[in-house]
Amino acid sequence: MKERRKPRILARSFGLINLYMLVLGIESSCDETGIALYDTEHGLLAHALHSQVEMHAEFGGVVPELASRDHIRRALPLTELVLKNANKSLKDINGIAYTQGPGLAGALLVGTSIAQSLAFALNVPSVGVHHLEGHLLAPLLEANPPQFPFVALLVSGGHTQLMRVDGIGEYTLLGDTLDDAAGEAFDKTAKLLGLGYPGGPALAKLADSKLAEQGNARFKLPRPMLNSGDLNFSFSGLKTAVLTLVNNNLPLAVETKADIAWEFQEAVTEILTAKCMAALREAGLDNLIVSGGVGANIRLRERLNAATKKKLCKVSYPRLEFCTDNGAMIAFAGAMRLSAMQAKQQDYSFSVKPRWDLSELQKP
């Protein structure tokens, strides 16, 4: 019972939960359909996720039209499953949250239209959630969540950013990638090495395998902007360096691929760790959270755990299933905003925001 009460204490600590709500969250920004139920009294009740990885694998990347069509097929059955697992029905829902952007326009439209249609039919309020805000707040779903303010590393296939987070809707950009995101660099490097899709996890698995000469690297890759004096990132040049390395070692033996993968992962995680620690120093904070798909990388967690421990700082992560896109983070972020809005009735017309700067968000 204590485990279920913790989210209630957390929710009240935000100063936003003034109203009990059961919120349905819908995530459909790219190639994963996520549905979840968040209860402001008892926390996350149930969630379900369908990944389209197998469908897109033969194309080597996400096909937007296929992604949209698959969301249409999956969203309602997953909603029924989540309601069943939580022992709830549609009539119990007090609000609906959905990913309004950023993301693929067609995919966003599927989730948004379903959310608004359900909200209209049930006569409950709804709110569009910024996808990145969902990721930023995902660690707050855990039993021992970080407290505001903190520095957040948002690291995924589409974003590599350092943010100062002072509260819900209070985000200050500290550093950003000037070109490729870290996850994008992982995927592109994996493709250069002839690994499968999705490339990032495949590269990390090879780098962590016994095939790689860990601790005794055969190759040396650059660490772009490691000593730039700011908190920005650049990974495009690192990818180009891998391309040169690959071309100089053709044909690639399996062991060679593993050694390149290991050195690439070392370069990226070293850069990310150094920038995170610099951000904590500049912000004058000792609390770091990491979210986004690359946040699941084992080597990155090892480095950050060691660096923060050395400096007497704290680092928090969402559980692995909440590092990638999911409905739980959308339901949670939506619950924070809906409760602050006092669940007022609204116009059910809608639009999506494929491009949406996080700085445009307002405090609830």
Protein backbone atom coordinates (compact mmCIF):
# COMPACT_ATOMS: atom_id res chain seq x y z
CA MET A 1 0.00 0.00 0.00
CA LYS A 2 2.87 2.39 0.76
CA GLU A 3 4.13 2.01 -2.80
CA ARG A 4 0.80 3.23 -4.18
CA ARG A 5 0.67 6.27 -1.90
CA LYS A 6 4.06 7.67 -2.90
CA PRO A 7 2.83 9.20 -6.18
CA ARG A 8 0.11 11.03 -4.20
CA ILE A 9 2.70 12.71 -2.00
CA LEU A 10 4.77 13.53 -5.09
CA ALA A 11 1.83 15.02 -6.96
CA ARG A 12 0.97 17.33 -4.08
CA SER A 13 4.58 18.43 -3.77
CA PHE A 14 4.31 20.02 -7.23
CA GLY A 15 1.72 22.45 -5.88
CA LEU A 16 -0.45 21.68 -8.90
CA ILE A 17 -2.69 18.79 -7.90
CA ASN A 18 -5.75 20.46 -6.47
CA LEU A 19 -8.24 18.12 -8.07
CA TYR A 20 -8.60 14.35 -8.29
CA MET A 21 -8.32 13.12 -11.87
CA LEU A 22 -7.99 9.87 -13.77
CA VAL A 23 -6.17 10.81 -16.96
CA LEU A 24 -5.86 8.76 -20.14
CA GLY A 25 -2.59 9.44 -21.98
CA ILE A 26 -2.09 8.83 -25.71
CA GLU A 27 1.35 8.89 -27.36
CA SER A 28 1.64 8.61 -31.16
CA SER A 29 4.41 10.98 -32.21
CA CYS A 30 6.46 8.52 -34.26
CA ASP A 31 6.65 4.74 -34.43
CA GLU A 32 5.30 3.66 -31.03
CA THR A 33 1.70 3.70 -29.85
CA GLY A 34 1.53 4.26 -26.10
CA ILE A 35 -1.55 4.33 -23.88
CA ALA A 36 -1.64 4.82 -20.11
CA LEU A 37 -3.88 5.68 -17.17
CA TYR A 38 -2.57 8.02 -14.47
CA ASP A 39 -4.46 8.51 -11.23
CA THR A 40 -3.55 11.67 -9.29
CA GLU A 41 -4.24 9.85 -6.02
CA HIS A 42 -2.56 6.50 -6.70
CA GLY A 43 -0.13 7.15 -9.56
CA LEU A 44 0.25 5.10 -12.72
CA LEU A 45 -2.44 2.41 -12.87
CA ALA A 46 -1.66 0.72 -16.19
CA HIS A 47 0.10 1.29 -19.49
CA ALA A 48 0.65 -0.51 -22.79
CA LEU A 49 2.95 0.05 -25.75
CA HIS A 50 3.14 -1.24 -29.29
CA SER A 51 6.41 -0.76 -31.18
CA GLN A 52 6.52 -0.67 -34.97
CA VAL A 53 10.20 -1.64 -35.15
CA GLU A 54 9.61 -4.89 -37.02
CA MET A 55 7.36 -3.20 -39.57
CA HIS A 56 9.93 -0.50 -40.40
CA ALA A 57 13.01 -2.74 -40.21
CA GLU A 58 12.87 -3.79 -43.86
CA PHE A 59 13.02 -0.12 -44.89
CA GLY A 60 15.88 0.75 -42.55
CA GLY A 61 13.90 3.59 -40.94
CA VAL A 62 10.45 4.92 -40.13
CA VAL A 63 8.02 5.26 -43.04
CA PRO A 64 5.59 8.02 -41.93
CA GLU A 65 2.53 6.76 -43.83
CA LEU A 66 2.92 3.23 -42.47
CA ALA A 67 3.42 4.62 -38.98
CA SER A 68 0.18 6.61 -39.16
CA ARG A 69 -1.84 3.67 -40.42
CA ASP A 70 -0.51 1.42 -37.69
CA HIS A 71 -1.42 3.94 -34.98
CA ILE A 72 -5.00 3.82 -36.27
CA ARG A 73 -5.05 0.05 -35.85
CA ARG A 74 -3.45 -0.01 -32.40
CA ALA A 75 -4.73 2.96 -30.40
CA LEU A 76 -8.25 1.81 -29.49
CA PRO A 77 -7.41 -1.85 -28.77
CA LEU A 78 -4.56 -0.70 -26.53
CA THR A 79 -6.93 1.72 -24.77
CA GLU A 80 -9.34 -1.14 -24.10
CA LEU A 81 -6.48 -3.27 -22.77
CA VAL A 82 -5.23 -0.54 -20.42
CA LEU A 83 -8.73 0.11 -19.07
CA LYS A 84 -9.22 -3.61 -18.49
CA ASN A 85 -5.87 -3.99 -16.71
CA ALA A 86 -6.68 -1.02 -14.47
CA ASN A 87 -10.20 -2.32 -13.80
CA LYS A 88 -11.63 0.96 -15.12
CA SER A 89 -14.06 1.98 -17.85
CA LEU A 90 -14.31 4.99 -20.15
CA LYS A 91 -16.88 6.59 -17.84
CA ASP A 92 -14.24 6.73 -15.07
CA ILE A 93 -11.93 8.98 -17.09
CA ASN A 94 -11.80 12.63 -15.98
CA GLY A 95 -9.40 13.96 -18.60
CA ILE A 96 -7.39 13.00 -21.68
CA ALA A 97 -3.82 13.96 -22.56
CA TYR A 98 -2.28 13.45 -25.97
CA THR A 99 1.00 14.21 -27.72
CA GLN A 100 0.38 17.33 -29.79
CA GLY A 101 3.96 17.62 -31.02
CA PRO A 102 6.70 17.56 -32.04
CA GLY A 103 6.69 14.50 -34.27
CA LEU A 104 5.41 13.11 -37.55
CA ALA A 105 2.37 15.12 -38.63
CA GLY A 106 0.28 12.12 -39.70
CA ALA A 107 1.10 10.11 -36.59
CA LEU A 108 0.29 13.07 -34.34
CA LEU A 109 -3.03 13.56 -36.09
CA VAL A 110 -4.09 10.00 -35.31
CA GLY A 111 -3.53 10.31 -31.57
CA THR A 112 -4.88 13.85 -31.41
CA SER A 113 -8.11 13.07 -33.28
CA ILE A 114 -8.77 9.99 -31.16
CA ALA A 115 -8.10 11.94 -27.95
CA GLN A 116 -10.34 14.84 -28.89
CA SER A 117 -13.11 12.56 -30.11
CA LEU A 118 -13.08 10.62 -26.84
CA ALA A 119 -12.97 13.82 -24.80
CA PHE A 120 -15.95 15.22 -26.69
CA ALA A 121 -17.93 11.98 -26.34
CA LEU A 122 -17.18 11.72 -22.61
CA ASN A 123 -17.57 15.47 -22.01
CA VAL A 124 -14.20 15.70 -20.25
CA PRO A 125 -11.32 18.17 -20.76
CA SER A 126 -8.26 17.33 -22.81
CA VAL A 127 -4.80 18.80 -23.16
CA GLY A 128 -2.09 18.60 -25.80
CA VAL A 129 1.27 17.63 -24.31
CA HIS A 130 4.70 18.55 -25.62
CA HIS A 131 6.52 15.30 -26.32
CA LEU A 132 9.77 16.56 -24.81
CA GLU A 133 8.03 17.74 -21.66
CA GLY A 134 6.79 14.18 -21.28
CA HIS A 135 10.37 12.89 -21.47
CA LEU A 136 11.64 15.56 -19.07
CA LEU A 137 9.06 14.59 -16.45
CA ALA A 138 9.30 10.80 -16.93
CA PRO A 139 11.73 10.32 -13.98
CA LEU A 140 9.08 11.84 -11.71
CA LEU A 141 7.01 8.69 -12.19
CA GLU A 142 9.47 6.75 -10.04
CA ALA A 143 8.98 5.92 -6.35
CA ASN A 144 11.79 8.28 -5.25
CA PRO A 145 11.56 11.13 -7.75
CA PRO A 146 14.00 14.02 -8.05
CA GLN A 147 12.91 17.36 -6.63
CA PHE A 148 12.93 20.67 -8.50
CA PRO A 149 15.14 22.33 -9.55
CA PHE A 150 17.38 20.00 -11.53
CA VAL A 151 19.43 19.77 -14.71
CA ALA A 152 17.99 17.45 -17.33
CA LEU A 153 19.82 15.71 -20.16
CA LEU A 154 17.31 14.91 -22.87
CA VAL A 155 19.10 12.50 -25.18
CA SER A 156 17.33 10.60 -27.95
CA GLY A 157 17.27 9.98 -31.69
CA GLY A 158 15.97 13.46 -32.36
CA HIS A 159 17.28 15.58 -29.50
CA THR A 160 20.36 16.14 -27.39
CA GLN A 161 19.69 19.01 -25.01
CA LEU A 162 20.61 20.14 -21.53
CA MET A 163 17.82 21.93 -19.68
CA ARG A 164 17.45 23.61 -16.33
CA VAL A 165 14.07 22.55 -14.93
CA ASP A 166 12.65 24.70 -12.12
CA GLY A 167 9.11 23.31 -12.26
CA ILE A 168 6.35 22.22 -14.61
CA GLY A 169 6.59 24.48 -17.65
CA GLU A 170 9.71 26.23 -16.32
CA TYR A 171 12.46 25.11 -18.70
CA THR A 172 15.66 26.94 -19.61
CA LEU A 173 17.80 25.64 -22.47
CA LEU A 174 21.44 25.35 -21.41
CA GLY A 175 22.90 23.48 -24.37
CA ASP A 176 21.83 21.89 -27.64
CA THR A 177 23.27 19.88 -30.49
CA LEU A 178 24.48 21.92 -33.43
CA ASP A 179 23.84 19.08 -35.89
CA ASP A 180 23.06 15.39 -35.27
CA ALA A 181 21.47 14.21 -32.04
CA ALA A 182 23.38 11.55 -30.11
CA GLY A 183 20.80 8.88 -30.91
CA GLU A 184 20.89 9.85 -34.57
CA ALA A 185 24.67 9.50 -34.56
CA PHE A 186 24.31 6.03 -32.99
CA ASP A 187 21.88 4.98 -35.73
CA LYS A 188 23.96 6.38 -38.59
CA THR A 189 27.15 4.81 -37.25
CA ALA A 190 25.38 1.47 -36.88
CA LYS A 191 24.37 1.71 -40.54
CA LEU A 192 27.98 2.36 -41.53
CA LEU A 193 28.93 -0.80 -39.65
CA GLY A 194 26.22 -2.82 -41.38
CA LEU A 195 24.24 -3.44 -38.20
CA GLY A 196 20.51 -3.99 -38.02
CA TYR A 197 17.61 -1.63 -37.36
CA PRO A 198 17.15 0.05 -34.96
CA GLY A 199 20.84 0.81 -35.09
CA GLY A 200 21.49 2.44 -31.72
CA PRO A 201 20.69 -0.58 -29.53
CA ALA A 202 22.47 -2.89 -31.99
CA LEU A 203 25.65 -0.79 -31.83
CA ALA A 204 25.54 -0.60 -28.02
CA LYS A 205 25.08 -4.38 -27.79
CA LEU A 206 28.11 -4.97 -30.03
CA ALA A 207 30.19 -2.40 -28.11
CA ASP A 208 29.38 -4.14 -24.83
CA SER A 209 30.07 -7.62 -26.18
CA LYS A 210 33.18 -9.70 -25.54
CA LEU A 211 34.18 -9.14 -29.16
CA ALA A 212 35.24 -5.56 -28.39
CA GLU A 213 38.69 -4.90 -26.92
CA GLN A 214 37.26 -2.85 -24.06
CA GLY A 215 39.83 -0.77 -22.22
CA ASN A 216 42.41 -1.33 -24.96
CA ALA A 217 40.99 0.48 -27.94
CA ARG A 218 42.54 -0.26 -31.34
CA PHE A 219 41.10 2.95 -32.73
CA LYS A 220 40.84 6.52 -31.53
CA LEU A 221 37.94 8.76 -32.48
CA PRO A 222 37.64 12.52 -31.82
CA ARG A 223 35.54 14.00 -28.99
CA PRO A 224 33.88 16.96 -30.78
CA MET A 225 33.32 20.05 -28.61
CA LEU A 226 34.47 18.25 -25.48
CA ASN A 227 36.48 21.34 -24.49
CA SER A 228 34.42 23.97 -26.32
CA GLY A 229 33.74 25.97 -23.16
CA ASP A 230 29.99 25.85 -23.64
CA LEU A 231 27.26 23.25 -23.16
CA ASN A 232 26.53 22.54 -26.82
CA PHE A 233 27.11 19.28 -28.68
CA SER A 234 28.16 18.18 -32.16
CA PHE A 235 28.11 14.60 -33.40
CA SER A 236 28.16 14.96 -37.19
CA GLY A 237 31.97 15.07 -37.34
CA LEU A 238 32.21 11.98 -35.16
CA LYS A 239 30.05 10.09 -37.63
CA THR A 240 32.30 11.27 -40.49
CA ALA A 241 35.36 10.06 -38.58
CA VAL A 242 33.73 6.62 -38.30
CA LEU A 243 33.12 6.62 -42.05
CA THR A 244 36.83 7.29 -42.68
CA LEU A 245 37.77 4.55 -40.21
CA VAL A 246 35.45 2.08 -41.89
CA ASN A 247 36.78 2.86 -45.38
CA ASN A 248 40.35 2.39 -44.15
CA ASN A 249 39.62 -1.04 -42.72
CA LEU A 250 37.58 -2.72 -45.43
CA PRO A 251 36.51 -5.47 -45.49
CA LEU A 252 35.33 -5.18 -41.89
CA ALA A 253 35.85 -8.22 -39.69
CA VAL A 254 33.33 -8.74 -36.89
CA GLU A 255 36.00 -7.91 -34.29
CA THR A 256 36.85 -4.68 -36.13
CA LYS A 257 33.19 -3.65 -36.11
CA ALA A 258 33.04 -4.34 -32.39
CA ASP A 259 36.16 -2.25 -31.69
CA ILE A 260 34.83 0.68 -33.72
CA ALA A 261 31.47 0.41 -31.96
CA TRP A 262 33.20 0.39 -28.56
CA GLU A 263 35.31 3.44 -29.32
CA PHE A 264 32.30 5.30 -30.77
CA GLN A 265 30.23 4.61 -27.66
CA GLU A 266 33.16 5.72 -25.47
CA ALA A 267 33.41 9.00 -27.38
CA VAL A 268 29.71 9.82 -27.17
CA THR A 269 29.29 8.89 -23.52
CA GLU A 270 32.44 10.79 -22.53
CA ILE A 271 31.11 13.93 -24.20
CA LEU A 272 27.64 13.59 -22.68
CA THR A 273 29.03 12.99 -19.20
CA ALA A 274 31.44 15.92 -19.35
CA LYS A 275 28.73 18.31 -20.54
CA CYS A 276 26.31 17.13 -17.85
CA MET A 277 28.83 17.78 -15.10
CA ALA A 278 29.65 21.19 -16.56
CA ALA A 279 25.93 22.02 -16.67
CA LEU A 280 25.53 21.13 -12.99
CA ARG A 281 28.46 23.40 -12.12
CA GLU A 282 27.17 26.32 -14.18
CA ALA A 283 23.62 25.97 -12.85
CA GLY A 284 24.82 25.61 -9.27
CA LEU A 285 22.76 22.44 -8.83
CA ASP A 286 23.55 18.93 -7.64
CA ASN A 287 20.59 17.07 -9.12
CA LEU A 288 20.69 15.56 -12.63
CA ILE A 289 18.01 13.61 -14.47
CA VAL A 290 18.48 11.74 -17.75
CA SER A 291 15.65 10.91 -20.13
CA GLY A 292 15.14 9.82 -23.72
CA GLY A 293 16.03 6.63 -25.54
CA VAL A 294 19.83 6.99 -25.24
CA GLY A 295 19.31 7.34 -21.49
CA ALA A 296 18.93 3.56 -21.45
CA ASN A 297 22.53 3.12 -22.64
CA ILE A 298 24.40 1.07 -20.01
CA ARG A 299 27.78 2.72 -20.57
CA LEU A 300 26.29 6.20 -20.30
CA ARG A 301 24.69 5.28 -16.98
CA GLU A 302 27.97 3.85 -15.71
CA ARG A 303 29.83 7.04 -16.53
CA LEU A 304 27.17 9.36 -15.10
CA ASN A 305 26.81 7.30 -11.93
CA ALA A 306 30.57 7.45 -11.34
CA ALA A 307 30.91 11.16 -12.17
CA THR A 308 27.98 12.29 -10.02
CA LYS A 309 29.08 10.11 -7.10
CA LYS A 310 32.56 11.64 -7.24
CA LYS A 311 31.11 15.17 -7.11
CA LEU A 312 28.51 14.25 -4.44
CA CYS A 313 25.66 14.86 -6.89
CA LYS A 314 22.60 12.76 -7.59
CA VAL A 315 21.47 11.34 -10.93
CA SER A 316 18.02 9.91 -11.66
CA TYR A 317 16.67 7.93 -14.60
CA PRO A 318 13.24 6.72 -15.62
CA ARG A 319 12.86 2.95 -15.66
CA LEU A 320 14.04 1.48 -18.96
CA GLU A 321 10.53 1.06 -20.37
CA PHE A 322 9.94 4.81 -19.93
CA CYS A 323 13.17 5.92 -21.65
CA THR A 324 11.64 5.43 -25.08
CA ASP A 325 8.32 6.94 -26.18
CA ASN A 326 5.42 5.85 -23.97
CA GLY A 327 1.93 6.80 -22.88
CA ALA A 328 2.79 6.98 -19.17
CA MET A 329 4.86 10.14 -19.51
CA ILE A 330 2.09 11.80 -21.54
CA ALA A 331 -0.60 10.83 -19.04
CA PHE A 332 1.54 12.15 -16.18
CA ALA A 333 2.45 15.46 -17.83
CA GLY A 334 -1.17 15.87 -18.91
CA ALA A 335 -2.42 15.24 -15.37
CA MET A 336 -0.16 18.00 -14.06
CA ARG A 337 -1.52 20.49 -16.56
CA LEU A 338 -5.17 19.44 -16.44
CA SER A 339 -5.30 19.68 -12.68
CA ALA A 340 -3.68 23.12 -12.77
CA MET A 341 -6.33 24.16 -15.31
CA GLN A 342 -8.97 22.98 -12.84
CA ALA A 343 -10.27 20.67 -15.59
CA LYS A 344 -12.20 23.45 -17.34
CA GLN A 345 -14.37 22.64 -20.33
CA GLN A 346 -12.98 23.57 -23.72
CA ASP A 347 -13.31 23.73 -27.45
CA TYR A 348 -12.64 20.29 -28.96
CA SER A 349 -11.22 21.54 -32.25
CA PHE A 350 -7.58 20.59 -32.67
CA SER A 351 -4.31 20.98 -34.50
CA VAL A 352 -0.91 19.33 -34.24
CA LYS A 353 2.55 20.84 -33.98
CA PRO A 354 5.14 18.75 -35.86
CA ARG A 355 7.68 21.44 -34.97
CA TRP A 356 7.24 22.84 -31.48
CA ASP A 357 9.95 24.58 -29.48
CA LEU A 358 9.94 23.63 -25.81
CA SER A 359 10.59 27.29 -24.92
CA GLU A 360 7.06 28.12 -26.11
CA LEU A 361 5.54 26.19 -23.18
CA GLN A 362 4.07 28.18 -20.33
CA LYS A 363 3.88 27.40 -16.63
CA PRO A 364 0.39 25.95 -15.85
